[in-house]
Amino acid sequence: MHVLVTGARGFIGSAFVRSWLANRELPITKITAYCRNTNDWAKSRLEEHTSVIDAQEKGLLRIAYGDLGGDVSGLCEGIDAVIHFAAKTYVDHSIRDPGPFVQANMLGTATLLEDARRQGVKAFINISTDEVYGQILEGAYDESAPLCPRNPYAATKAGADALAIAYFYTFKMWTAVTRTENNYGIYQHPQKALPVFIGHALRGEHLPVYGDGEHIRQWLFVQDHINAIMTLLQQYTQLPGGEVWHIAGNQEFTNNQLARHILRLTEQPETNIKHLDDMNIRPGHDRRYALHCKKMHALGWKPTVNLADGLKMCVEWYTNNPSWLG
């Protein structure tokens, strides 16, 4: 199976490519990694790895550069399956300027879906987010929950999800939408919460926490997310199309708990937290997200990395790679 991975220089997309190169899991036999040729610092996620260079030389991996907002005609030629990670994801930026998120997340997905249809792609997995449901204060959402996105980023992801599902019912191309929670791991964007916390802690600075710090998030180690996607790809011919699949670890932390845990791991005082007023930065900040994952569990997938172990590994990696923290 020749697989197109979009957003291949991104945090999760690059982790997917590196993971396949390390394990060579079937059914994938070749990957085309599609990415924007910007942000030179992101090269260390992908192009600078020895395994990537070796795979390119052997014809197992092709890296293509471009923008889904432009002309992608023929991108999916010869492709059997698409795993669509590419998206603009930073909520604060979407609040400041929603337009680029509409262009990238909705129109970009529409363009890619149409090229996939025209080129006869067999499977299309659209990677999405728990934020499309809006907040849930108790319990957890299952895949049939109604959508209630409360920021422009989440709204554009909900729109992309709807398009992917529509392509199954209208054009009979097998599609799936996966919705995940806060992923964490190495090579994460330095503006994301975990690298920000680790960077501040390593410098002996106060960790910046929005609001009262009692917002709750589930956390999932990125490799567990990749394993779930691979499970879907391996079994898709036996699965119904046009469905939603939740990928979550069911390990919850408040932002305060996460900050204190990072402070302990870096041997800093647990009081080194500075709460920031978030009303002008992120109005309508969702209090809690949570997902049920019974459908994925029924396929044999379960997360394997507990939060304490994953965070410890991340602190060690970022400590040894301080340049990644900016």
C-alpha atoms as a PDB file:
ATOM      1  CA  MET A   1       0.000   0.000   0.000  1.00  0.00           C
ATOM      2  CA  HIS A   2       1.344   3.411  -1.035  1.00  0.00           C
ATOM      3  CA  VAL A   3       0.209   5.963   1.561  1.00  0.00           C
ATOM      4  CA  LEU A   4       0.146   9.749   1.308  1.00  0.00           C
ATOM      5  CA  VAL A   5       0.798  11.428   4.662  1.00  0.00           C
ATOM      6  CA  THR A   6      -0.072  15.135   4.687  1.00  0.00           C
ATOM      7  CA  GLY A   7       1.373  17.462   7.299  1.00  0.00           C
ATOM      8  CA  ALA A   8       4.444  15.236   7.332  1.00  0.00           C
ATOM      9  CA  ARG A   9       6.619  17.939   8.894  1.00  0.00           C
ATOM     10  CA  GLY A  10       4.108  18.476  11.686  1.00  0.00           C
ATOM     11  CA  PHE A  11       4.292  17.033  15.173  1.00  0.00           C
ATOM     12  CA  ILE A  12       2.025  14.002  14.664  1.00  0.00           C
ATOM     13  CA  GLY A  13       2.552  13.525  10.928  1.00  0.00           C
ATOM     14  CA  SER A  14       6.328  13.382  11.256  1.00  0.00           C
ATOM     15  CA  ALA A  15       6.010  10.986  14.194  1.00  0.00           C
ATOM     16  CA  PHE A  16       3.884   8.708  11.995  1.00  0.00           C
ATOM     17  CA  VAL A  17       6.535   8.675   9.254  1.00  0.00           C
ATOM     18  CA  ARG A  18       9.403   8.073  11.697  1.00  0.00           C
ATOM     19  CA  SER A  19       7.442   5.307  13.418  1.00  0.00           C
ATOM     20  CA  TRP A  20       6.778   3.485  10.148  1.00  0.00           C
ATOM     21  CA  LEU A  21      10.419   3.773   9.126  1.00  0.00           C
ATOM     22  CA  ALA A  22      11.435   2.243  12.449  1.00  0.00           C
ATOM     23  CA  ASN A  23       8.929  -0.642  12.328  1.00  0.00           C
ATOM     24  CA  ARG A  24       7.915  -1.021   8.638  1.00  0.00           C
ATOM     25  CA  GLU A  25       4.440  -2.147   9.637  1.00  0.00           C
ATOM     26  CA  LEU A  26       2.214  -3.575   6.933  1.00  0.00           C
ATOM     27  CA  PRO A  27       0.074  -2.794   4.999  1.00  0.00           C
ATOM     28  CA  ILE A  28       2.222   0.265   4.182  1.00  0.00           C
ATOM     29  CA  THR A  29       5.015  -0.430   1.699  1.00  0.00           C
ATOM     30  CA  LYS A  30       5.758   3.147   0.621  1.00  0.00           C
ATOM     31  CA  ILE A  31       5.013   6.646   1.929  1.00  0.00           C
ATOM     32  CA  THR A  32       4.768   9.959   0.139  1.00  0.00           C
ATOM     33  CA  ALA A  33       5.291  12.616   2.814  1.00  0.00           C
ATOM     34  CA  TYR A  34       3.613  15.875   1.827  1.00  0.00           C
ATOM     35  CA  CYS A  35       4.606  19.011   3.688  1.00  0.00           C
ATOM     36  CA  ARG A  36       4.981  22.743   3.402  1.00  0.00           C
ATOM     37  CA  ASN A  37       8.572  23.781   2.740  1.00  0.00           C
ATOM     38  CA  THR A  38       8.594  26.386   5.504  1.00  0.00           C
ATOM     39  CA  ASN A  39       9.940  26.587   9.059  1.00  0.00           C
ATOM     40  CA  ASP A  40      13.437  25.241   8.575  1.00  0.00           C
ATOM     41  CA  TRP A  41      13.599  24.269  12.243  1.00  0.00           C
ATOM     42  CA  ALA A  42      10.943  21.599  11.507  1.00  0.00           C
ATOM     43  CA  LYS A  43      13.400  19.769   9.248  1.00  0.00           C
ATOM     44  CA  SER A  44      14.777  18.049  12.333  1.00  0.00           C
ATOM     45  CA  ARG A  45      11.422  16.272  12.674  1.00  0.00           C
ATOM     46  CA  LEU A  46      11.814  14.603   9.317  1.00  0.00           C
ATOM     47  CA  GLU A  47      14.446  15.329   6.673  1.00  0.00           C
ATOM     48  CA  GLU A  48      17.458  15.318   8.982  1.00  0.00           C
ATOM     49  CA  HIS A  49      16.858  11.787  10.301  1.00  0.00           C
ATOM     50  CA  THR A  50      19.184   9.083   9.016  1.00  0.00           C
ATOM     51  CA  SER A  51      16.279   6.658   8.578  1.00  0.00           C
ATOM     52  CA  VAL A  52      14.500   9.194   6.344  1.00  0.00           C
ATOM     53  CA  ILE A  53      17.549   9.730   4.153  1.00  0.00           C
ATOM     54  CA  ASP A  54      18.091   5.983   3.880  1.00  0.00           C
ATOM     55  CA  ALA A  55      14.440   5.329   2.982  1.00  0.00           C
ATOM     56  CA  GLN A  56      14.538   7.992   0.275  1.00  0.00           C
ATOM     57  CA  GLU A  57      17.598   6.376  -1.269  1.00  0.00           C
ATOM     58  CA  LYS A  58      15.830   2.987  -1.272  1.00  0.00           C
ATOM     59  CA  GLY A  59      12.650   4.394  -2.831  1.00  0.00           C
ATOM     60  CA  LEU A  60      10.521   3.651   0.233  1.00  0.00           C
ATOM     61  CA  LEU A  61       9.863   7.306   1.009  1.00  0.00           C
ATOM     62  CA  ARG A  62       9.246  10.319  -1.185  1.00  0.00           C
ATOM     63  CA  ILE A  63       9.024  13.830   0.234  1.00  0.00           C
ATOM     64  CA  ALA A  64       6.871  16.290  -1.707  1.00  0.00           C
ATOM     65  CA  TYR A  65       6.509  19.956  -0.879  1.00  0.00           C
ATOM     66  CA  GLY A  66       3.471  22.119  -1.456  1.00  0.00           C
ATOM     67  CA  ASP A  67       0.406  23.771   0.036  1.00  0.00           C
ATOM     68  CA  LEU A  68      -3.093  22.300   0.029  1.00  0.00           C
ATOM     69  CA  GLY A  69      -4.359  25.821  -0.521  1.00  0.00           C
ATOM     70  CA  GLY A  70      -2.836  25.716  -4.015  1.00  0.00           C
ATOM     71  CA  ASP A  71      -3.069  23.369  -6.968  1.00  0.00           C
ATOM     72  CA  VAL A  72      -2.709  19.746  -5.837  1.00  0.00           C
ATOM     73  CA  SER A  73      -3.977  18.115  -9.026  1.00  0.00           C
ATOM     74  CA  GLY A  74      -2.405  14.683  -9.338  1.00  0.00           C
ATOM     75  CA  LEU A  75      -0.980  14.628  -5.825  1.00  0.00           C
ATOM     76  CA  CYS A  76      -2.898  11.411  -5.131  1.00  0.00           C
ATOM     77  CA  GLU A  77      -1.912   9.680  -8.372  1.00  0.00           C
ATOM     78  CA  GLY A  78      -0.736   6.158  -7.537  1.00  0.00           C
ATOM     79  CA  ILE A  79      -1.801   6.556  -3.903  1.00  0.00           C
ATOM     80  CA  ASP A  80      -3.830   3.815  -2.196  1.00  0.00           C
ATOM     81  CA  ALA A  81      -4.613   5.597   1.078  1.00  0.00           C
ATOM     82  CA  VAL A  82      -4.396   9.127   2.497  1.00  0.00           C
ATOM     83  CA  ILE A  83      -3.759   9.981   6.134  1.00  0.00           C
ATOM     84  CA  HIS A  84      -4.626  13.651   6.403  1.00  0.00           C
ATOM     85  CA  PHE A  85      -2.816  15.255   9.345  1.00  0.00           C
ATOM     86  CA  ALA A  86      -2.237  18.658   7.745  1.00  0.00           C
ATOM     87  CA  ALA A  87      -4.089  21.457   9.537  1.00  0.00           C
ATOM     88  CA  LYS A  88      -3.640  24.748  11.272  1.00  0.00           C
ATOM     89  CA  THR A  89      -4.167  23.913  14.945  1.00  0.00           C
ATOM     90  CA  TYR A  90      -3.321  26.819  17.234  1.00  0.00           C
ATOM     91  CA  VAL A  91      -6.619  27.943  18.814  1.00  0.00           C
ATOM     92  CA  ASP A  92      -5.370  31.374  19.902  1.00  0.00           C
ATOM     93  CA  HIS A  93      -4.303  32.183  16.349  1.00  0.00           C
ATOM     94  CA  SER A  94      -7.697  31.091  14.998  1.00  0.00           C
ATOM     95  CA  ILE A  95      -9.398  33.535  17.338  1.00  0.00           C
ATOM     96  CA  ARG A  96      -7.168  36.370  16.169  1.00  0.00           C
ATOM     97  CA  ASP A  97      -7.600  35.560  12.470  1.00  0.00           C
ATOM     98  CA  PRO A  98     -10.022  32.771  11.450  1.00  0.00           C
ATOM     99  CA  GLY A  99      -9.499  33.168   7.695  1.00  0.00           C
ATOM    100  CA  PRO A 100      -6.310  31.100   7.308  1.00  0.00           C
ATOM    101  CA  PHE A 101      -7.941  28.294   9.301  1.00  0.00           C
ATOM    102  CA  VAL A 102     -10.942  28.224   6.975  1.00  0.00           C
ATOM    103  CA  GLN A 103      -8.582  28.159   3.989  1.00  0.00           C
ATOM    104  CA  ALA A 104      -6.278  25.442   5.325  1.00  0.00           C
ATOM    105  CA  ASN A 105      -8.605  23.194   7.286  1.00  0.00           C
ATOM    106  CA  MET A 106     -11.799  23.307   5.244  1.00  0.00           C
ATOM    107  CA  LEU A 107     -10.863  24.304   1.702  1.00  0.00           C
ATOM    108  CA  GLY A 108      -7.565  22.422   1.857  1.00  0.00           C
ATOM    109  CA  THR A 109      -9.359  19.246   2.941  1.00  0.00           C
ATOM    110  CA  ALA A 110     -11.968  19.700   0.197  1.00  0.00           C
ATOM    111  CA  THR A 111      -9.244  20.042  -2.436  1.00  0.00           C
ATOM    112  CA  LEU A 112      -7.433  16.944  -1.191  1.00  0.00           C
ATOM    113  CA  LEU A 113     -10.605  14.847  -0.997  1.00  0.00           C
ATOM    114  CA  GLU A 114     -11.503  15.729  -4.563  1.00  0.00           C
ATOM    115  CA  ASP A 115      -8.078  14.816  -5.901  1.00  0.00           C
ATOM    116  CA  ALA A 116      -8.219  11.562  -3.938  1.00  0.00           C
ATOM    117  CA  ARG A 117     -11.608  10.755  -5.490  1.00  0.00           C
ATOM    118  CA  ARG A 118     -10.444  11.506  -9.016  1.00  0.00           C
ATOM    119  CA  GLN A 119      -7.311   9.397  -8.588  1.00  0.00           C
ATOM    120  CA  GLY A 120      -9.160   6.369  -7.199  1.00  0.00           C
ATOM    121  CA  VAL A 121      -7.779   6.445  -3.649  1.00  0.00           C
ATOM    122  CA  LYS A 122      -9.207   3.517  -1.687  1.00  0.00           C
ATOM    123  CA  ALA A 123      -9.092   4.942   1.870  1.00  0.00           C
ATOM    124  CA  PHE A 124      -8.969   8.430   3.378  1.00  0.00           C
ATOM    125  CA  ILE A 125      -8.462   8.997   7.118  1.00  0.00           C
ATOM    126  CA  ASN A 126      -9.106  12.547   8.313  1.00  0.00           C
ATOM    127  CA  ILE A 127      -7.365  13.348  11.607  1.00  0.00           C
ATOM    128  CA  SER A 128      -9.521  15.557  13.813  1.00  0.00           C
ATOM    129  CA  THR A 129      -9.971  16.740  17.392  1.00  0.00           C
ATOM    130  CA  ASP A 130     -12.164  16.408  20.480  1.00  0.00           C
ATOM    131  CA  GLU A 131     -12.716  20.177  20.329  1.00  0.00           C
ATOM    132  CA  VAL A 132     -15.428  19.794  17.665  1.00  0.00           C
ATOM    133  CA  TYR A 133     -17.843  18.695  20.420  1.00  0.00           C
ATOM    134  CA  GLY A 134     -17.250  21.631  22.720  1.00  0.00           C
ATOM    135  CA  GLN A 135     -16.801  21.181  26.431  1.00  0.00           C
ATOM    136  CA  ILE A 136     -18.235  18.399  28.578  1.00  0.00           C
ATOM    137  CA  LEU A 137     -18.123  18.879  32.352  1.00  0.00           C
ATOM    138  CA  GLU A 138     -18.896  15.277  33.356  1.00  0.00           C
ATOM    139  CA  GLY A 139     -18.673  11.942  31.571  1.00  0.00           C
ATOM    140  CA  ALA A 140     -17.338  11.614  28.028  1.00  0.00           C
ATOM    141  CA  TYR A 141     -18.563  11.965  24.463  1.00  0.00           C
ATOM    142  CA  ASP A 142     -19.104   8.952  22.240  1.00  0.00           C
ATOM    143  CA  GLU A 143     -18.894   9.089  18.468  1.00  0.00           C
ATOM    144  CA  SER A 144     -22.595   9.915  18.037  1.00  0.00           C
ATOM    145  CA  ALA A 145     -22.437  13.116  20.123  1.00  0.00           C
ATOM    146  CA  PRO A 146     -23.648  16.324  18.416  1.00  0.00           C
ATOM    147  CA  LEU A 147     -21.036  18.845  17.320  1.00  0.00           C
ATOM    148  CA  CYS A 148     -20.775  22.169  19.123  1.00  0.00           C
ATOM    149  CA  PRO A 149     -17.432  23.804  18.244  1.00  0.00           C
ATOM    150  CA  ARG A 150     -16.782  26.929  20.316  1.00  0.00           C
ATOM    151  CA  ASN A 151     -13.789  28.481  18.526  1.00  0.00           C
ATOM    152  CA  PRO A 152     -12.882  29.001  14.843  1.00  0.00           C
ATOM    153  CA  TYR A 153     -10.249  26.255  14.844  1.00  0.00           C
ATOM    154  CA  ALA A 154     -12.736  23.674  16.109  1.00  0.00           C
ATOM    155  CA  ALA A 155     -15.389  24.878  13.673  1.00  0.00           C
ATOM    156  CA  THR A 156     -13.083  24.435  10.685  1.00  0.00           C
ATOM    157  CA  LYS A 157     -12.143  20.940  11.822  1.00  0.00           C
ATOM    158  CA  ALA A 158     -15.830  20.046  12.173  1.00  0.00           C
ATOM    159  CA  GLY A 159     -16.375  21.249   8.614  1.00  0.00           C
ATOM    160  CA  ALA A 160     -13.492  19.132   7.331  1.00  0.00           C
ATOM    161  CA  ASP A 161     -14.895  16.101   9.161  1.00  0.00           C
ATOM    162  CA  ALA A 162     -18.290  16.587   7.533  1.00  0.00           C
ATOM    163  CA  LEU A 163     -16.696  16.741   4.096  1.00  0.00           C
ATOM    164  CA  ALA A 164     -14.786  13.510   4.668  1.00  0.00           C
ATOM    165  CA  ILE A 165     -17.918  11.694   5.780  1.00  0.00           C
ATOM    166  CA  ALA A 166     -19.885  13.109   2.833  1.00  0.00           C
ATOM    167  CA  TYR A 167     -17.352  11.708   0.365  1.00  0.00           C
ATOM    168  CA  PHE A 168     -18.127   8.206   1.581  1.00  0.00           C
ATOM    169  CA  TYR A 169     -21.882   8.555   1.226  1.00  0.00           C
ATOM    170  CA  THR A 170     -21.788  10.503  -2.029  1.00  0.00           C
ATOM    171  CA  PHE A 171     -18.822   8.978  -3.866  1.00  0.00           C
ATOM    172  CA  LYS A 172     -18.353   5.635  -2.025  1.00  0.00           C
ATOM    173  CA  MET A 173     -14.708   6.343  -1.231  1.00  0.00           C
ATOM    174  CA  TRP A 174     -13.953   4.721   2.124  1.00  0.00           C
ATOM    175  CA  THR A 175     -13.348   7.510   4.647  1.00  0.00           C
ATOM    176  CA  ALA A 176     -12.942   7.719   8.391  1.00  0.00           C
ATOM    177  CA  VAL A 177     -12.673  10.592  10.835  1.00  0.00           C
ATOM    178  CA  THR A 178     -10.515  10.117  13.916  1.00  0.00           C
ATOM    179  CA  ARG A 179     -10.917  12.485  16.836  1.00  0.00           C
ATOM    180  CA  THR A 180      -8.211  12.654  19.440  1.00  0.00           C
ATOM    181  CA  GLU A 181      -7.338  14.590  22.556  1.00  0.00           C
ATOM    182  CA  ASN A 182      -4.226  16.526  23.575  1.00  0.00           C
ATOM    183  CA  ASN A 183      -1.293  14.631  22.097  1.00  0.00           C
ATOM    184  CA  TYR A 184       2.163  15.038  23.604  1.00  0.00           C
ATOM    185  CA  GLY A 185       5.650  13.796  22.846  1.00  0.00           C
ATOM    186  CA  ILE A 186       8.996  14.845  21.412  1.00  0.00           C
ATOM    187  CA  TYR A 187       9.388  17.437  18.639  1.00  0.00           C
ATOM    188  CA  GLN A 188       6.159  19.204  19.689  1.00  0.00           C
ATOM    189  CA  HIS A 189       5.756  22.824  18.609  1.00  0.00           C
ATOM    190  CA  PRO A 190       7.460  25.054  21.211  1.00  0.00           C
ATOM    191  CA  GLN A 191       4.258  27.122  21.594  1.00  0.00           C
ATOM    192  CA  LYS A 192       2.263  24.120  22.844  1.00  0.00           C
ATOM    193  CA  ALA A 193       1.600  23.705  26.554  1.00  0.00           C
ATOM    194  CA  LEU A 194       3.986  20.883  27.396  1.00  0.00           C
ATOM    195  CA  PRO A 195       7.134  22.327  25.728  1.00  0.00           C
ATOM    196  CA  VAL A 196       6.262  25.752  27.166  1.00  0.00           C
ATOM    197  CA  PHE A 197       6.018  24.309  30.666  1.00  0.00           C
ATOM    198  CA  ILE A 198       9.215  22.289  30.324  1.00  0.00           C
ATOM    199  CA  GLY A 199      11.151  25.228  28.870  1.00  0.00           C
ATOM    200  CA  HIS A 200      10.102  27.587  31.641  1.00  0.00           C
ATOM    201  CA  ALA A 201      10.869  24.962  34.290  1.00  0.00           C
ATOM    202  CA  LEU A 202      14.346  24.254  32.916  1.00  0.00           C
ATOM    203  CA  ARG A 203      15.100  27.984  32.987  1.00  0.00           C
ATOM    204  CA  GLY A 204      13.820  28.290  36.556  1.00  0.00           C
ATOM    205  CA  GLU A 205      10.944  30.545  35.440  1.00  0.00           C
ATOM    206  CA  HIS A 206       7.321  30.531  36.520  1.00  0.00           C
ATOM    207  CA  LEU A 207       5.104  28.317  34.374  1.00  0.00           C
ATOM    208  CA  PRO A 208       2.356  30.351  32.625  1.00  0.00           C
ATOM    209  CA  VAL A 209      -1.096  28.837  33.184  1.00  0.00           C
ATOM    210  CA  TYR A 210      -4.295  30.282  31.689  1.00  0.00           C
ATOM    211  CA  GLY A 211      -7.119  31.282  34.029  1.00  0.00           C
ATOM    212  CA  ASP A 212      -7.406  29.418  37.311  1.00  0.00           C
ATOM    213  CA  GLY A 213      -5.606  26.392  35.891  1.00  0.00           C
ATOM    214  CA  GLU A 214      -8.512  24.041  36.569  1.00  0.00           C
ATOM    215  CA  HIS A 215      -9.317  23.386  32.916  1.00  0.00           C
ATOM    216  CA  ILE A 216      -9.183  19.615  32.364  1.00  0.00           C
ATOM    217  CA  ARG A 217      -7.684  17.802  29.401  1.00  0.00           C
ATOM    218  CA  GLN A 218      -7.101  14.180  28.505  1.00  0.00           C
ATOM    219  CA  TRP A 219      -3.553  13.432  27.349  1.00  0.00           C
ATOM    220  CA  LEU A 220      -2.363  10.848  24.837  1.00  0.00           C
ATOM    221  CA  PHE A 221       1.220   9.924  24.015  1.00  0.00           C
ATOM    222  CA  VAL A 222       1.754  10.494  20.303  1.00  0.00           C
ATOM    223  CA  GLN A 223       2.973   6.944  19.584  1.00  0.00           C
ATOM    224  CA  ASP A 224      -0.291   5.556  20.959  1.00  0.00           C
ATOM    225  CA  HIS A 225      -2.163   7.799  18.516  1.00  0.00           C
ATOM    226  CA  ILE A 226      -0.049   6.489  15.640  1.00  0.00           C
ATOM    227  CA  ASN A 227      -0.693   2.886  16.675  1.00  0.00           C
ATOM    228  CA  ALA A 228      -4.436   3.548  16.572  1.00  0.00           C
ATOM    229  CA  ILE A 229      -4.287   4.994  13.061  1.00  0.00           C
ATOM    230  CA  MET A 230      -2.237   2.010  11.915  1.00  0.00           C
ATOM    231  CA  THR A 231      -4.891  -0.281  13.400  1.00  0.00           C
ATOM    232  CA  LEU A 232      -7.578   1.414  11.302  1.00  0.00           C
ATOM    233  CA  LEU A 233      -5.441   1.250   8.183  1.00  0.00           C
ATOM    234  CA  GLN A 234      -4.762  -2.452   8.680  1.00  0.00           C
ATOM    235  CA  GLN A 235      -8.450  -3.278   9.155  1.00  0.00           C
ATOM    236  CA  TYR A 236     -10.267  -0.730   7.001  1.00  0.00           C
ATOM    237  CA  THR A 237     -11.454  -3.218   4.369  1.00  0.00           C
ATOM    238  CA  GLN A 238     -13.518  -4.936   7.086  1.00  0.00           C
ATOM    239  CA  LEU A 239     -14.850  -1.690   8.603  1.00  0.00           C
ATOM    240  CA  PRO A 240     -17.814   0.500   7.630  1.00  0.00           C
ATOM    241  CA  GLY A 241     -16.912   3.773   5.933  1.00  0.00           C
ATOM    242  CA  GLY A 242     -18.021   7.281   6.808  1.00  0.00           C
ATOM    243  CA  GLU A 243     -17.656   6.727  10.552  1.00  0.00           C
ATOM    244  CA  VAL A 244     -16.003   8.536  13.451  1.00  0.00           C
ATOM    245  CA  TRP A 245     -13.420   6.841  15.672  1.00  0.00           C
ATOM    246  CA  HIS A 246     -12.198   8.197  19.007  1.00  0.00           C
ATOM    247  CA  ILE A 247      -8.538   7.865  19.970  1.00  0.00           C
ATOM    248  CA  ALA A 248      -7.901   8.840  23.583  1.00  0.00           C
ATOM    249  CA  GLY A 249      -5.944   7.731  26.613  1.00  0.00           C
ATOM    250  CA  ASN A 250      -8.500   8.578  29.303  1.00  0.00           C
ATOM    251  CA  GLN A 251      -5.774  10.074  31.500  1.00  0.00           C
ATOM    252  CA  GLU A 252      -6.879  13.467  32.773  1.00  0.00           C
ATOM    253  CA  PHE A 253      -4.927  16.350  34.285  1.00  0.00           C
ATOM    254  CA  THR A 254      -5.935  19.856  35.116  1.00  0.00           C
ATOM    255  CA  ASN A 255      -3.498  22.405  33.766  1.00  0.00           C
ATOM    256  CA  ASN A 256      -2.373  23.033  37.348  1.00  0.00           C
ATOM    257  CA  GLN A 257      -1.686  19.312  37.838  1.00  0.00           C
ATOM    258  CA  LEU A 258       0.296  19.171  34.621  1.00  0.00           C
ATOM    259  CA  ALA A 259       2.350  22.210  35.598  1.00  0.00           C
ATOM    260  CA  ARG A 260       3.080  20.850  39.074  1.00  0.00           C
ATOM    261  CA  HIS A 261       4.078  17.477  37.634  1.00  0.00           C
ATOM    262  CA  ILE A 262       6.566  19.125  35.276  1.00  0.00           C
ATOM    263  CA  LEU A 263       7.968  21.168  38.150  1.00  0.00           C
ATOM    264  CA  ARG A 264       8.521  18.007  40.183  1.00  0.00           C
ATOM    265  CA  LEU A 265      10.234  16.261  37.274  1.00  0.00           C
ATOM    266  CA  THR A 266      12.575  19.231  36.814  1.00  0.00           C
ATOM    267  CA  GLU A 267      13.176  19.584  40.563  1.00  0.00           C
ATOM    268  CA  GLN A 268      11.649  23.059  40.716  1.00  0.00           C
ATOM    269  CA  PRO A 269       9.334  24.389  43.457  1.00  0.00           C
ATOM    270  CA  GLU A 270       5.726  23.407  42.778  1.00  0.00           C
ATOM    271  CA  THR A 271       4.721  26.983  43.548  1.00  0.00           C
ATOM    272  CA  ASN A 272       6.493  28.272  40.414  1.00  0.00           C
ATOM    273  CA  ILE A 273       3.206  28.848  38.588  1.00  0.00           C
ATOM    274  CA  LYS A 274       1.896  32.163  37.262  1.00  0.00           C
ATOM    275  CA  HIS A 275      -1.784  32.320  36.364  1.00  0.00           C
ATOM    276  CA  LEU A 276      -2.647  34.499  33.369  1.00  0.00           C
ATOM    277  CA  ASP A 277      -5.972  36.125  32.566  1.00  0.00           C
ATOM    278  CA  ASP A 278      -7.112  34.294  29.441  1.00  0.00           C
ATOM    279  CA  MET A 279     -10.304  36.202  28.641  1.00  0.00           C
ATOM    280  CA  ASN A 280      -8.613  38.432  26.066  1.00  0.00           C
ATOM    281  CA  ILE A 281      -6.569  35.555  24.658  1.00  0.00           C
ATOM    282  CA  ARG A 282      -9.031  32.679  24.507  1.00  0.00           C
ATOM    283  CA  PRO A 283     -12.630  33.782  25.197  1.00  0.00           C
ATOM    284  CA  GLY A 284     -14.966  30.866  25.800  1.00  0.00           C
ATOM    285  CA  HIS A 285     -12.062  28.659  26.865  1.00  0.00           C
ATOM    286  CA  ASP A 286     -13.604  25.160  27.069  1.00  0.00           C
ATOM    287  CA  ARG A 287     -13.451  23.788  30.606  1.00  0.00           C
ATOM    288  CA  ARG A 288     -13.086  20.080  29.855  1.00  0.00           C
ATOM    289  CA  TYR A 289     -12.973  17.608  26.983  1.00  0.00           C
ATOM    290  CA  ALA A 290     -13.340  13.820  27.260  1.00  0.00           C
ATOM    291  CA  LEU A 291     -13.859  10.972  24.803  1.00  0.00           C
ATOM    292  CA  HIS A 292     -15.080   7.360  25.010  1.00  0.00           C
ATOM    293  CA  CYS A 293     -12.980   4.962  22.914  1.00  0.00           C
ATOM    294  CA  LYS A 294     -14.981   1.719  22.998  1.00  0.00           C
ATOM    295  CA  LYS A 295     -15.035   1.426  19.197  1.00  0.00           C
ATOM    296  CA  MET A 296     -11.241   1.529  18.938  1.00  0.00           C
ATOM    297  CA  HIS A 297     -10.875  -0.830  21.887  1.00  0.00           C
ATOM    298  CA  ALA A 298     -13.098  -3.314  20.041  1.00  0.00           C
ATOM    299  CA  LEU A 299     -10.544  -3.330  17.206  1.00  0.00           C
ATOM    300  CA  GLY A 300      -7.821  -4.385  19.641  1.00  0.00           C
ATOM    301  CA  TRP A 301      -6.205  -0.984  20.214  1.00  0.00           C
ATOM    302  CA  LYS A 302      -5.495   0.440  23.652  1.00  0.00           C
ATOM    303  CA  PRO A 303      -2.974   3.066  24.772  1.00  0.00           C
ATOM    304  CA  THR A 304       0.215   1.652  26.251  1.00  0.00           C
ATOM    305  CA  VAL A 305       2.054   4.677  27.684  1.00  0.00           C
ATOM    306  CA  ASN A 306       0.791   6.033  30.988  1.00  0.00           C
ATOM    307  CA  LEU A 307       0.959   9.768  31.511  1.00  0.00           C
ATOM    308  CA  ALA A 308       3.617   9.748  34.238  1.00  0.00           C
ATOM    309  CA  ASP A 309       6.036   7.680  32.143  1.00  0.00           C
ATOM    310  CA  GLY A 310       5.354   9.695  28.997  1.00  0.00           C
ATOM    311  CA  LEU A 311       5.932  13.026  30.714  1.00  0.00           C
ATOM    312  CA  LYS A 312       9.157  11.804  32.270  1.00  0.00           C
ATOM    313  CA  MET A 313      10.432  10.720  28.847  1.00  0.00           C
ATOM    314  CA  CYS A 314       9.477  14.095  27.358  1.00  0.00           C
ATOM    315  CA  VAL A 315      11.259  16.068  30.071  1.00  0.00           C
ATOM    316  CA  GLU A 316      14.406  14.010  29.497  1.00  0.00           C
ATOM    317  CA  TRP A 317      14.241  14.538  25.719  1.00  0.00           C
ATOM    318  CA  TYR A 318      13.626  18.302  25.879  1.00  0.00           C
ATOM    319  CA  THR A 319      16.363  18.633  28.510  1.00  0.00           C
ATOM    320  CA  ASN A 320      18.778  16.993  26.057  1.00  0.00           C
ATOM    321  CA  ASN A 321      17.440  19.015  23.110  1.00  0.00           C
ATOM    322  CA  PRO A 322      17.091  22.555  24.496  1.00  0.00           C
ATOM    323  CA  SER A 323      17.304  24.173  21.060  1.00  0.00           C
ATOM    324  CA  TRP A 324      13.856  22.767  20.284  1.00  0.00           C
ATOM    325  CA  LEU A 325      12.359  24.905  23.056  1.00  0.00           C
ATOM    326  CA  GLY A 326      13.275  28.131  21.277  1.00  0.00           C
END
